[in-house]
PDB file of N, CA and C in Angstrom:
ATOM      1  N   UNK A   1      -8.546 -19.705   7.913  1.00  0.00           N
ATOM      2  CA  UNK A   1      -9.771 -19.233   7.130  1.00  0.00           C
ATOM      3  C   UNK A   1      -9.308 -18.466   5.776  1.00  0.00           C
ATOM      4  N   UNK A   2      -9.785 -18.973   4.338  1.00  0.00           N
ATOM      5  CA  UNK A   2      -9.403 -18.177   3.457  1.00  0.00           C
ATOM      6  C   UNK A   2     -10.565 -17.253   2.999  1.00  0.00           C
ATOM      7  N   UNK A   3      -9.983 -16.184   2.716  1.00  0.00           N
ATOM      8  CA  UNK A   3     -10.981 -15.042   2.340  1.00  0.00           C
ATOM      9  C   UNK A   3     -10.879 -15.003   1.022  1.00  0.00           C
ATOM     10  N   UNK A   4     -12.159 -15.020   0.113  1.00  0.00           N
ATOM     11  CA  UNK A   4     -12.225 -14.955  -1.500  1.00  0.00           C
ATOM     12  C   UNK A   4     -12.750 -13.747  -1.829  1.00  0.00           C
ATOM     13  N   UNK A   5     -12.539 -13.080  -2.880  1.00  0.00           N
ATOM     14  CA  UNK A   5     -12.861 -11.751  -3.580  1.00  0.00           C
ATOM     15  C   UNK A   5     -12.809 -11.790  -4.962  1.00  0.00           C
ATOM     16  N   UNK A   6     -13.327 -10.802  -5.505  1.00  0.00           N
ATOM     17  CA  UNK A   6     -13.336 -10.686  -6.821  1.00  0.00           C
ATOM     18  C   UNK A   6     -12.142  -9.329  -7.126  1.00  0.00           C
ATOM     19  N   UNK A   7     -11.360  -9.698  -8.004  1.00  0.00           N
ATOM     20  CA  UNK A   7     -10.321  -8.601  -8.544  1.00  0.00           C
ATOM     21  C   UNK A   7     -10.186  -8.219  -9.812  1.00  0.00           C
ATOM     22  N   UNK A   8      -9.880  -7.045 -10.363  1.00  0.00           N
ATOM     23  CA  UNK A   8      -9.904  -6.825 -11.750  1.00  0.00           C
ATOM     24  C   UNK A   8      -8.333  -6.648 -12.051  1.00  0.00           C
ATOM     25  N   UNK A   9      -8.031  -7.319 -13.178  1.00  0.00           N
ATOM     26  CA  UNK A   9      -6.718  -7.236 -13.855  1.00  0.00           C
ATOM     27  C   UNK A   9      -6.909  -6.591 -15.225  1.00  0.00           C
ATOM     28  N   UNK A  10      -6.064  -5.790 -15.566  1.00  0.00           N
ATOM     29  CA  UNK A  10      -6.402  -5.094 -17.160  1.00  0.00           C
ATOM     30  C   UNK A  10      -6.014  -6.207 -18.230  1.00  0.00           C
ATOM     31  N   UNK A  11      -5.068  -7.178 -17.902  1.00  0.00           N
ATOM     32  CA  UNK A  11      -4.868  -8.189 -18.901  1.00  0.00           C
ATOM     33  C   UNK A  11      -5.792  -9.215 -18.755  1.00  0.00           C
ATOM     34  N   UNK A  12      -6.310  -9.542 -17.575  1.00  0.00           N
ATOM     35  CA  UNK A  12      -7.091 -10.878 -17.737  1.00  0.00           C
ATOM     36  C   UNK A  12      -8.560 -10.593 -17.274  1.00  0.00           C
ATOM     37  N   UNK A  13      -9.050  -9.277 -17.025  1.00  0.00           N
ATOM     38  CA  UNK A  13     -10.377  -9.062 -16.586  1.00  0.00           C
ATOM     39  C   UNK A  13     -10.675  -9.402 -15.371  1.00  0.00           C
ATOM     40  N   UNK A  14     -11.873  -9.688 -15.043  1.00  0.00           N
ATOM     41  CA  UNK A  14     -12.338  -9.986 -13.725  1.00  0.00           C
ATOM     42  C   UNK A  14     -12.339 -11.372 -13.292  1.00  0.00           C
ATOM     43  N   UNK A  15     -11.582 -11.640 -12.019  1.00  0.00           N
ATOM     44  CA  UNK A  15     -11.161 -12.973 -11.716  1.00  0.00           C
ATOM     45  C   UNK A  15     -11.401 -12.974 -10.313  1.00  0.00           C
ATOM     46  N   UNK A  16     -11.444 -14.208  -9.432  1.00  0.00           N
ATOM     47  CA  UNK A  16     -11.475 -14.539  -8.084  1.00  0.00           C
ATOM     48  C   UNK A  16     -10.206 -14.729  -7.614  1.00  0.00           C
ATOM     49  N   UNK A  17      -9.806 -14.065  -6.568  1.00  0.00           N
ATOM     50  CA  UNK A  17      -8.482 -14.170  -5.813  1.00  0.00           C
ATOM     51  C   UNK A  17      -8.708 -14.338  -4.370  1.00  0.00           C
ATOM     52  N   UNK A  18      -7.753 -14.891  -3.574  1.00  0.00           N
ATOM     53  CA  UNK A  18      -7.804 -15.081  -2.235  1.00  0.00           C
ATOM     54  C   UNK A  18      -6.473 -14.413  -1.532  1.00  0.00           C
ATOM     55  N   UNK A  19      -6.927 -14.358  -0.070  1.00  0.00           N
ATOM     56  CA  UNK A  19      -6.027 -13.576   0.827  1.00  0.00           C
ATOM     57  C   UNK A  19      -5.057 -12.573   0.205  1.00  0.00           C
ATOM     58  N   UNK A  20      -3.722 -13.059   0.245  1.00  0.00           N
ATOM     59  CA  UNK A  20      -2.678 -12.264  -0.214  1.00  0.00           C
ATOM     60  C   UNK A  20      -2.921 -11.445  -1.422  1.00  0.00           C
ATOM     61  N   UNK A  21      -3.660 -11.894  -2.505  1.00  0.00           N
ATOM     62  CA  UNK A  21      -3.663 -11.146  -3.850  1.00  0.00           C
ATOM     63  C   UNK A  21      -4.692  -9.931  -3.332  1.00  0.00           C
ATOM     64  N   UNK A  22      -5.593 -10.390  -2.660  1.00  0.00           N
ATOM     65  CA  UNK A  22      -6.779  -9.242  -2.375  1.00  0.00           C
ATOM     66  C   UNK A  22      -6.118  -8.121  -1.366  1.00  0.00           C
ATOM     67  N   UNK A  23      -5.181  -8.503  -0.571  1.00  0.00           N
ATOM     68  CA  UNK A  23      -4.395  -7.775   0.525  1.00  0.00           C
ATOM     69  C   UNK A  23      -3.647  -6.863  -0.231  1.00  0.00           C
ATOM     70  N   UNK A  24      -2.911  -7.352  -1.335  1.00  0.00           N
ATOM     71  CA  UNK A  24      -1.889  -6.506  -2.096  1.00  0.00           C
ATOM     72  C   UNK A  24      -2.554  -5.518  -2.966  1.00  0.00           C
ATOM     73  N   UNK A  25      -3.761  -5.914  -3.430  1.00  0.00           N
ATOM     74  CA  UNK A  25      -4.484  -4.600  -4.205  1.00  0.00           C
ATOM     75  C   UNK A  25      -5.143  -3.699  -3.417  1.00  0.00           C
ATOM     76  N   UNK A  26      -5.384  -4.146  -2.047  1.00  0.00           N
ATOM     77  CA  UNK A  26      -5.856  -3.179  -1.025  1.00  0.00           C
ATOM     78  C   UNK A  26      -4.896  -2.130  -0.453  1.00  0.00           C
ATOM     79  N   UNK A  27      -3.852  -2.628  -0.404  1.00  0.00           N
ATOM     80  CA  UNK A  27      -2.479  -2.063  -0.043  1.00  0.00           C
ATOM     81  C   UNK A  27      -2.300  -0.861  -1.354  1.00  0.00           C
ATOM     82  N   UNK A  28      -2.279  -1.496  -2.311  1.00  0.00           N
ATOM     83  CA  UNK A  28      -1.872  -0.579  -3.520  1.00  0.00           C
ATOM     84  C   UNK A  28      -3.131   0.363  -3.667  1.00  0.00           C
ATOM     85  N   UNK A  29      -4.346   0.367  -3.143  1.00  0.00           N
ATOM     86  CA  UNK A  29      -5.414   1.325  -3.401  1.00  0.00           C
ATOM     87  C   UNK A  29      -5.139   2.239  -2.098  1.00  0.00           C
ATOM     88  N   UNK A  30      -4.799   1.662  -1.057  1.00  0.00           N
ATOM     89  CA  UNK A  30      -4.455   2.635   0.178  1.00  0.00           C
ATOM     90  C   UNK A  30      -3.294   3.570   0.020  1.00  0.00           C
ATOM     91  N   UNK A  31      -2.190   3.259  -0.503  1.00  0.00           N
ATOM     92  CA  UNK A  31      -0.992   4.131  -0.795  1.00  0.00           C
ATOM     93  C   UNK A  31      -1.154   5.011  -1.892  1.00  0.00           C
ATOM     94  N   UNK A  32      -1.911   4.583  -2.877  1.00  0.00           N
ATOM     95  CA  UNK A  32      -2.038   5.591  -4.287  1.00  0.00           C
ATOM     96  C   UNK A  32      -3.327   6.331  -4.209  1.00  0.00           C
ATOM     97  N   UNK A  33      -4.159   6.194  -3.206  1.00  0.00           N
ATOM     98  CA  UNK A  33      -5.062   7.052  -2.959  1.00  0.00           C
ATOM     99  C   UNK A  33      -4.844   8.304  -2.069  1.00  0.00           C
ATOM    100  N   UNK A  34      -5.149   9.476  -2.548  1.00  0.00           N
ATOM    101  CA  UNK A  34      -4.897  10.694  -1.632  1.00  0.00           C
ATOM    102  C   UNK A  34      -6.169  10.882  -0.648  1.00  0.00           C
ATOM    103  N   UNK A  35      -5.699  11.144   0.595  1.00  0.00           N
ATOM    104  CA  UNK A  35      -7.092  11.608   1.337  1.00  0.00           C
ATOM    105  C   UNK A  35      -7.827  12.652   0.856  1.00  0.00           C
ATOM    106  N   UNK A  36      -9.137  12.210   0.969  1.00  0.00           N
ATOM    107  CA  UNK A  36     -10.298  13.160   0.391  1.00  0.00           C
ATOM    108  C   UNK A  36     -10.635  12.724  -0.945  1.00  0.00           C
ATOM    109  N   UNK A  37      -9.871  12.036  -1.642  1.00  0.00           N
ATOM    110  CA  UNK A  37     -10.296  11.430  -3.092  1.00  0.00           C
ATOM    111  C   UNK A  37     -11.290  10.371  -3.155  1.00  0.00           C
ATOM    112  N   UNK A  38     -11.690   9.725  -2.117  1.00  0.00           N
ATOM    113  CA  UNK A  38     -12.717   8.583  -1.948  1.00  0.00           C
ATOM    114  C   UNK A  38     -13.898   9.368  -1.462  1.00  0.00           C
ATOM    115  N   UNK A  39     -15.177   8.988  -2.274  1.00  0.00           N
ATOM    116  CA  UNK A  39     -16.236   9.798  -1.901  1.00  0.00           C
ATOM    117  C   UNK A  39     -16.984   8.996  -0.399  1.00  0.00           C
ATOM    118  N   UNK A  40     -17.235   9.862   0.435  1.00  0.00           N
ATOM    119  CA  UNK A  40     -17.797   9.282   1.569  1.00  0.00           C
ATOM    120  C   UNK A  40     -17.034   8.802   2.647  1.00  0.00           C
ATOM    121  N   UNK A  41     -15.690   8.960   2.141  1.00  0.00           N
ATOM    122  CA  UNK A  41     -14.418   8.294   3.209  1.00  0.00           C
ATOM    123  C   UNK A  41     -13.371   9.203   3.025  1.00  0.00           C
ATOM    124  N   UNK A  42     -13.661  10.612   3.348  1.00  0.00           N
ATOM    125  CA  UNK A  42     -12.546  11.362   3.429  1.00  0.00           C
ATOM    126  C   UNK A  42     -10.964  11.351   3.776  1.00  0.00           C
ATOM    127  N   UNK A  43     -10.886  10.208   4.899  1.00  0.00           N
ATOM    128  CA  UNK A  43      -9.665  10.084   5.665  1.00  0.00           C
ATOM    129  C   UNK A  43      -8.993   8.811   4.792  1.00  0.00           C
ATOM    130  N   UNK A  44      -9.438   8.094   3.985  1.00  0.00           N
ATOM    131  CA  UNK A  44      -8.793   6.896   3.330  1.00  0.00           C
ATOM    132  C   UNK A  44      -7.877   7.348   2.538  1.00  0.00           C
ATOM    133  N   UNK A  45      -6.824   6.812   2.374  1.00  0.00           N
ATOM    134  CA  UNK A  45      -5.663   7.051   1.531  1.00  0.00           C
ATOM    135  C   UNK A  45      -4.356   7.116   2.345  1.00  0.00           C
ATOM    136  N   UNK A  46      -3.563   7.649   1.507  1.00  0.00           N
ATOM    137  CA  UNK A  46      -2.103   8.291   2.410  1.00  0.00           C
ATOM    138  C   UNK A  46      -1.696   9.410   1.712  1.00  0.00           C
ATOM    139  N   UNK A  47      -0.504   9.979   2.164  1.00  0.00           N
ATOM    140  CA  UNK A  47      -0.014  11.250   1.809  1.00  0.00           C
ATOM    141  C   UNK A  47       1.337  10.870   1.086  1.00  0.00           C
ATOM    142  N   UNK A  48       1.660   9.553   0.891  1.00  0.00           N
ATOM    143  CA  UNK A  48       2.531   9.024   0.023  1.00  0.00           C
ATOM    144  C   UNK A  48       3.086  10.094  -1.047  1.00  0.00           C
ATOM    145  N   UNK A  49       2.236  10.180  -1.784  1.00  0.00           N
ATOM    146  CA  UNK A  49       2.409  10.908  -3.297  1.00  0.00           C
ATOM    147  C   UNK A  49       3.055  12.328  -2.845  1.00  0.00           C
ATOM    148  N   UNK A  50       2.561  12.854  -2.091  1.00  0.00           N
ATOM    149  CA  UNK A  50       2.750  14.331  -1.462  1.00  0.00           C
ATOM    150  C   UNK A  50       4.294  14.221  -0.948  1.00  0.00           C
ATOM    151  N   UNK A  51       4.411  13.414  -0.174  1.00  0.00           N
ATOM    152  CA  UNK A  51       5.859  13.060   0.398  1.00  0.00           C
ATOM    153  C   UNK A  51       7.004  12.854  -0.587  1.00  0.00           C
ATOM    154  N   UNK A  52       6.583  11.989  -1.729  1.00  0.00           N
ATOM    155  CA  UNK A  52       7.481  11.647  -2.887  1.00  0.00           C
ATOM    156  C   UNK A  52       7.963  12.896  -3.458  1.00  0.00           C
ATOM    157  N   UNK A  53       7.050  13.902  -3.829  1.00  0.00           N
ATOM    158  CA  UNK A  53       7.181  15.098  -4.515  1.00  0.00           C
ATOM    159  C   UNK A  53       7.924  15.956  -3.715  1.00  0.00           C
ATOM    160  N   UNK A  54       7.868  15.760  -2.377  1.00  0.00           N
ATOM    161  CA  UNK A  54       8.750  16.988  -1.592  1.00  0.00           C
ATOM    162  C   UNK A  54      10.067  16.023  -0.752  1.00  0.00           C
ATOM    163  N   UNK A  55      10.384  15.192  -1.468  1.00  0.00           N
ATOM    164  CA  UNK A  55      11.312  14.196  -0.891  1.00  0.00           C
ATOM    165  C   UNK A  55      12.509  15.051  -0.356  1.00  0.00           C
ATOM    166  N   UNK A  56      12.814  15.935  -0.875  1.00  0.00           N
ATOM    167  CA  UNK A  56      13.975  16.705  -0.259  1.00  0.00           C
ATOM    168  C   UNK A  56      13.878  17.402   1.201  1.00  0.00           C
ATOM    169  N   UNK A  57      12.487  17.646   1.355  1.00  0.00           N
ATOM    170  CA  UNK A  57      12.160  18.373   2.802  1.00  0.00           C
ATOM    171  C   UNK A  57      11.472  17.387   3.799  1.00  0.00           C
ATOM    172  N   UNK A  58      11.098  16.132   3.215  1.00  0.00           N
ATOM    173  CA  UNK A  58      10.416  15.224   4.157  1.00  0.00           C
ATOM    174  C   UNK A  58      11.395  14.149   4.649  1.00  0.00           C
ATOM    175  N   UNK A  59      11.423  13.921   5.907  1.00  0.00           N
ATOM    176  CA  UNK A  59      12.115  12.873   6.555  1.00  0.00           C
ATOM    177  C   UNK A  59      11.664  11.457   6.149  1.00  0.00           C
ATOM    178  N   UNK A  60      12.524  10.513   6.023  1.00  0.00           N
ATOM    179  CA  UNK A  60      12.280   9.112   5.328  1.00  0.00           C
ATOM    180  C   UNK A  60      11.370   8.442   6.600  1.00  0.00           C
ATOM    181  N   UNK A  61      11.482   8.849   7.830  1.00  0.00           N
ATOM    182  CA  UNK A  61      10.955   8.335   8.920  1.00  0.00           C
ATOM    183  C   UNK A  61       9.472   8.730   8.649  1.00  0.00           C
ATOM    184  N   UNK A  62       9.168   9.910   8.313  1.00  0.00           N
ATOM    185  CA  UNK A  62       7.650  10.233   8.105  1.00  0.00           C
ATOM    186  C   UNK A  62       7.051   9.320   7.191  1.00  0.00           C
ATOM    187  N   UNK A  63       7.595   9.214   5.980  1.00  0.00           N
ATOM    188  CA  UNK A  63       7.205   8.315   4.983  1.00  0.00           C
ATOM    189  C   UNK A  63       6.941   6.876   5.523  1.00  0.00           C
ATOM    190  N   UNK A  64       7.783   6.311   6.122  1.00  0.00           N
ATOM    191  CA  UNK A  64       7.573   4.935   6.959  1.00  0.00           C
ATOM    192  C   UNK A  64       6.466   4.923   7.950  1.00  0.00           C
ATOM    193  N   UNK A  65       6.357   6.089   8.804  1.00  0.00           N
ATOM    194  CA  UNK A  65       5.155   5.888   9.725  1.00  0.00           C
ATOM    195  C   UNK A  65       3.788   6.199   9.182  1.00  0.00           C
ATOM    196  N   UNK A  66       3.490   7.220   8.223  1.00  0.00           N
ATOM    197  CA  UNK A  66       2.500   7.078   7.053  1.00  0.00           C
ATOM    198  C   UNK A  66       2.007   6.042   6.656  1.00  0.00           C
ATOM    199  N   UNK A  67       3.020   5.130   5.871  1.00  0.00           N
ATOM    200  CA  UNK A  67       2.878   3.692   5.223  1.00  0.00           C
ATOM    201  C   UNK A  67       2.039   2.841   6.489  1.00  0.00           C
ATOM    202  N   UNK A  68       2.674   2.691   7.410  1.00  0.00           N
ATOM    203  CA  UNK A  68       2.535   1.768   8.373  1.00  0.00           C
ATOM    204  C   UNK A  68       1.182   2.170   9.191  1.00  0.00           C
ATOM    205  N   UNK A  69       0.786   3.420   9.338  1.00  0.00           N
ATOM    206  CA  UNK A  69      -0.397   3.900  10.104  1.00  0.00           C
ATOM    207  C   UNK A  69      -1.562   3.642   9.220  1.00  0.00           C
ATOM    208  N   UNK A  70      -1.314   4.095   7.867  1.00  0.00           N
ATOM    209  CA  UNK A  70      -2.406   4.147   7.251  1.00  0.00           C
ATOM    210  C   UNK A  70      -2.722   2.656   6.664  1.00  0.00           C
ATOM    211  N   UNK A  71      -1.784   1.799   6.380  1.00  0.00           N
ATOM    212  CA  UNK A  71      -2.146   0.321   5.830  1.00  0.00           C
ATOM    213  C   UNK A  71      -2.615  -0.350   6.891  1.00  0.00           C
ATOM    214  N   UNK A  72      -2.092  -0.156   8.448  1.00  0.00           N
ATOM    215  CA  UNK A  72      -2.694  -1.045   9.308  1.00  0.00           C
ATOM    216  C   UNK A  72      -4.161  -0.528   9.748  1.00  0.00           C
ATOM    217  N   UNK A  73      -4.480   0.722   9.559  1.00  0.00           N
ATOM    218  CA  UNK A  73      -5.789   1.215   9.895  1.00  0.00           C
ATOM    219  C   UNK A  73      -6.673   0.714   8.696  1.00  0.00           C
ATOM    220  N   UNK A  74      -6.376   0.836   7.514  1.00  0.00           N
ATOM    221  CA  UNK A  74      -7.345   0.213   6.459  1.00  0.00           C
ATOM    222  C   UNK A  74      -7.316  -1.040   6.046  1.00  0.00           C
ATOM    223  N   UNK A  75      -6.244  -1.796   6.371  1.00  0.00           N
ATOM    224  CA  UNK A  75      -5.971  -3.278   6.112  1.00  0.00           C
ATOM    225  C   UNK A  75      -5.623  -4.041   7.328  1.00  0.00           C
ATOM    226  N   UNK A  76      -6.862  -4.153   8.183  1.00  0.00           N
ATOM    227  CA  UNK A  76      -6.590  -4.782   9.479  1.00  0.00           C
ATOM    228  C   UNK A  76      -6.077  -6.220   9.617  1.00  0.00           C
ATOM    229  N   UNK A  77      -6.253  -6.713   8.538  1.00  0.00           N
ATOM    230  CA  UNK A  77      -5.634  -8.367   8.406  1.00  0.00           C
ATOM    231  C   UNK A  77      -4.289  -8.525   8.378  1.00  0.00           C
ATOM    232  N   UNK A  78      -3.293  -7.370   8.423  1.00  0.00           N
ATOM    233  CA  UNK A  78      -1.904  -7.423   8.310  1.00  0.00           C
ATOM    234  C   UNK A  78      -1.364  -6.422   9.460  1.00  0.00           C
ATOM    235  N   UNK A  79      -0.010  -6.718   9.775  1.00  0.00           N
ATOM    236  CA  UNK A  79       0.835  -5.864  10.128  1.00  0.00           C
ATOM    237  C   UNK A  79       1.815  -5.466   9.333  1.00  0.00           C
ATOM    238  N   UNK A  80       2.363  -4.265   9.237  1.00  0.00           N
ATOM    239  CA  UNK A  80       3.823  -3.747   8.515  1.00  0.00           C
ATOM    240  C   UNK A  80       4.667  -4.046   9.329  1.00  0.00           C
ATOM    241  N   UNK A  81       5.680  -5.041   8.834  1.00  0.00           N
ATOM    242  CA  UNK A  81       7.013  -5.182   9.539  1.00  0.00           C
ATOM    243  C   UNK A  81       7.979  -4.137   9.154  1.00  0.00           C
ATOM    244  N   UNK A  82       8.258  -3.831   7.902  1.00  0.00           N
ATOM    245  CA  UNK A  82       9.134  -2.798   7.339  1.00  0.00           C
ATOM    246  C   UNK A  82       8.630  -2.095   6.086  1.00  0.00           C
ATOM    247  N   UNK A  83       9.101  -0.994   6.013  1.00  0.00           N
ATOM    248  CA  UNK A  83       9.024  -0.422   4.407  1.00  0.00           C
ATOM    249  C   UNK A  83      10.117   0.387   4.377  1.00  0.00           C
ATOM    250  N   UNK A  84      10.177   0.478   2.913  1.00  0.00           N
ATOM    251  CA  UNK A  84      11.438   1.641   2.392  1.00  0.00           C
ATOM    252  C   UNK A  84      10.917   2.036   1.225  1.00  0.00           C
ATOM    253  N   UNK A  85      11.647   3.458   1.074  1.00  0.00           N
ATOM    254  CA  UNK A  85      11.369   3.985  -0.482  1.00  0.00           C
ATOM    255  C   UNK A  85      12.669   4.390  -1.050  1.00  0.00           C
ATOM    256  N   UNK A  86      12.961   3.722  -2.070  1.00  0.00           N
ATOM    257  CA  UNK A  86      14.337   4.232  -2.693  1.00  0.00           C
ATOM    258  C   UNK A  86      14.064   5.166  -4.062  1.00  0.00           C
ATOM    259  N   UNK A  87      14.841   5.908  -4.289  1.00  0.00           N
ATOM    260  CA  UNK A  87      14.685   6.791  -5.442  1.00  0.00           C
ATOM    261  C   UNK A  87      15.655   6.742  -6.435  1.00  0.00           C
ATOM    262  N   UNK A  88      15.479   6.800  -7.830  1.00  0.00           N
ATOM    263  CA  UNK A  88      16.288   7.009  -8.894  1.00  0.00           C
ATOM    264  C   UNK A  88      15.670   8.349  -9.508  1.00  0.00           C
ATOM    265  N   UNK A  89      16.274   8.468 -10.656  1.00  0.00           N
ATOM    266  CA  UNK A  89      15.972   9.965 -11.314  1.00  0.00           C
ATOM    267  C   UNK A  89      14.499  10.399 -11.317  1.00  0.00           C
ATOM    268  N   UNK A  90      13.799   9.454 -12.075  1.00  0.00           N
ATOM    269  CA  UNK A  90      12.451  10.021 -12.036  1.00  0.00           C
ATOM    270  C   UNK A  90      11.231   9.048 -11.685  1.00  0.00           C
ATOM    271  N   UNK A  91      11.891   7.992 -10.530  1.00  0.00           N
ATOM    272  CA  UNK A  91      10.901   6.810 -10.071  1.00  0.00           C
ATOM    273  C   UNK A  91      11.253   6.969  -8.579  1.00  0.00           C
ATOM    274  N   UNK A  92      10.151   6.330  -7.838  1.00  0.00           N
ATOM    275  CA  UNK A  92      10.451   6.006  -6.494  1.00  0.00           C
ATOM    276  C   UNK A  92       9.938   4.556  -6.398  1.00  0.00           C
ATOM    277  N   UNK A  93      10.587   3.482  -5.779  1.00  0.00           N
ATOM    278  CA  UNK A  93      10.324   2.324  -5.491  1.00  0.00           C
ATOM    279  C   UNK A  93       9.882   2.164  -4.057  1.00  0.00           C
ATOM    280  N   UNK A  94       8.610   1.600  -3.928  1.00  0.00           N
ATOM    281  CA  UNK A  94       8.131   1.424  -2.461  1.00  0.00           C
ATOM    282  C   UNK A  94       8.122   0.038  -2.076  1.00  0.00           C
ATOM    283  N   UNK A  95       8.770  -0.527  -1.233  1.00  0.00           N
ATOM    284  CA  UNK A  95       8.955  -1.665  -0.750  1.00  0.00           C
ATOM    285  C   UNK A  95       8.161  -2.024   0.662  1.00  0.00           C
ATOM    286  N   UNK A  96       7.254  -2.843   0.769  1.00  0.00           N
ATOM    287  CA  UNK A  96       6.539  -2.929   2.052  1.00  0.00           C
ATOM    288  C   UNK A  96       6.729  -4.370   2.478  1.00  0.00           C
ATOM    289  N   UNK A  97       7.034  -4.957   3.813  1.00  0.00           N
ATOM    290  CA  UNK A  97       7.047  -6.069   4.101  1.00  0.00           C
ATOM    291  C   UNK A  97       5.980  -6.208   5.007  1.00  0.00           C
ATOM    292  N   UNK A  98       4.897  -7.209   4.803  1.00  0.00           N
ATOM    293  CA  UNK A  98       3.751  -7.623   5.502  1.00  0.00           C
ATOM    294  C   UNK A  98       3.859  -8.698   6.251  1.00  0.00           C
ATOM    295  N   UNK A  99       3.028  -8.780   7.271  1.00  0.00           N
ATOM    296  CA  UNK A  99       2.714  -9.994   8.230  1.00  0.00           C
ATOM    297  C   UNK A  99       1.149 -10.388   8.211  1.00  0.00           C
ATOM    298  N   UNK A 100       0.718 -11.486   7.763  1.00  0.00           N
ATOM    299  CA  UNK A 100      -0.733 -11.763   8.061  1.00  0.00           C
ATOM    300  C   UNK A 100      -0.859 -12.026   9.553  1.00  0.00           C
ATOM    301  N   UNK A 101      -1.917 -11.318   9.874  1.00  0.00           N
ATOM    302  CA  UNK A 101      -2.387 -11.576  11.469  1.00  0.00           C
ATOM    303  C   UNK A 101      -2.535 -12.894  11.617  1.00  0.00           C
ATOM    304  N   UNK A 102      -3.522 -13.496  10.610  1.00  0.00           N
ATOM    305  CA  UNK A 102      -4.263 -14.701  11.019  1.00  0.00           C
ATOM    306  C   UNK A 102      -3.066 -16.008  11.052  1.00  0.00           C
ATOM    307  N   UNK A 103      -1.976 -16.040  10.391  1.00  0.00           N
ATOM    308  CA  UNK A 103      -1.311 -17.208  10.361  1.00  0.00           C
ATOM    309  C   UNK A 103       0.310 -16.920  10.541  1.00  0.00           C
ATOM    310  N   UNK A 104       0.447 -15.517  10.767  1.00  0.00           N
ATOM    311  CA  UNK A 104       1.935 -14.953  10.518  1.00  0.00           C
ATOM    312  C   UNK A 104       2.761 -15.152   9.518  1.00  0.00           C
ATOM    313  N   UNK A 105       2.135 -15.352   8.191  1.00  0.00           N
ATOM    314  CA  UNK A 105       2.783 -15.514   7.016  1.00  0.00           C
ATOM    315  C   UNK A 105       3.433 -14.369   6.559  1.00  0.00           C
ATOM    316  N   UNK A 106       4.606 -14.037   6.003  1.00  0.00           N
ATOM    317  CA  UNK A 106       4.959 -12.760   5.556  1.00  0.00           C
ATOM    318  C   UNK A 106       5.092 -12.793   4.103  1.00  0.00           C
ATOM    319  N   UNK A 107       4.954 -11.651   3.553  1.00  0.00           N
ATOM    320  CA  UNK A 107       4.803 -11.444   2.305  1.00  0.00           C
ATOM    321  C   UNK A 107       4.994  -9.915   1.797  1.00  0.00           C
ATOM    322  N   UNK A 108       5.614  -9.562   0.935  1.00  0.00           N
ATOM    323  CA  UNK A 108       5.857  -8.183   0.537  1.00  0.00           C
ATOM    324  C   UNK A 108       5.019  -7.491  -0.625  1.00  0.00           C
ATOM    325  N   UNK A 109       5.120  -6.255  -0.567  1.00  0.00           N
ATOM    326  CA  UNK A 109       4.401  -5.545  -1.772  1.00  0.00           C
ATOM    327  C   UNK A 109       5.568  -4.518  -2.245  1.00  0.00           C
ATOM    328  N   UNK A 110       5.644  -4.555  -3.583  1.00  0.00           N
ATOM    329  CA  UNK A 110       6.559  -3.390  -4.156  1.00  0.00           C
ATOM    330  C   UNK A 110       5.925  -2.878  -5.357  1.00  0.00           C
ATOM    331  N   UNK A 111       6.016  -1.499  -5.464  1.00  0.00           N
ATOM    332  CA  UNK A 111       5.392  -0.735  -6.606  1.00  0.00           C
ATOM    333  C   UNK A 111       6.510   0.245  -7.142  1.00  0.00           C
ATOM    334  N   UNK A 112       6.550   0.607  -8.392  1.00  0.00           N
ATOM    335  CA  UNK A 112       7.377   1.865  -8.764  1.00  0.00           C
ATOM    336  C   UNK A 112       6.537   3.097  -8.981  1.00  0.00           C
ATOM    337  N   UNK A 113       6.587   4.041  -8.572  1.00  0.00           N
ATOM    338  CA  UNK A 113       5.951   5.249  -8.962  1.00  0.00           C
ATOM    339  C   UNK A 113       6.640   6.431  -9.392  1.00  0.00           C
ATOM    340  N   UNK A 114       5.985   6.880 -10.662  1.00  0.00           N
ATOM    341  CA  UNK A 114       7.043   7.743 -11.430  1.00  0.00           C
ATOM    342  C   UNK A 114       6.842   9.145 -10.786  1.00  0.00           C
ATOM    343  N   UNK A 115       7.880  10.032 -10.608  1.00  0.00           N
ATOM    344  CA  UNK A 115       7.793  11.204  -9.875  1.00  0.00           C
ATOM    345  C   UNK A 115       8.431  12.271 -10.878  1.00  0.00           C
TER     346      UNK A 115
END
């Protein structure tokens, strides 16, 4: 079953997307939203931003478990197989490998966050 939906891209405006594109957009929203930021859903989001700014005192395992728990809670169409965060001087690169529950298709999400 293919899931269709509307997505918004800054460079191309509103367009129709399916499955993986919609899931990747949803994953980005989950990890980039701080809990309490979304109206009427105070638990939505992750503490990733907080962890990135406290990277000297936070264990990598806490970051990985936070990403896995929040993504699998708010995006029930996927499993998180692995995740990692690598740091450079002023950025953090987040890599998350996902598996689609419906057909076990593997795909990945990557984003660079300024810190």
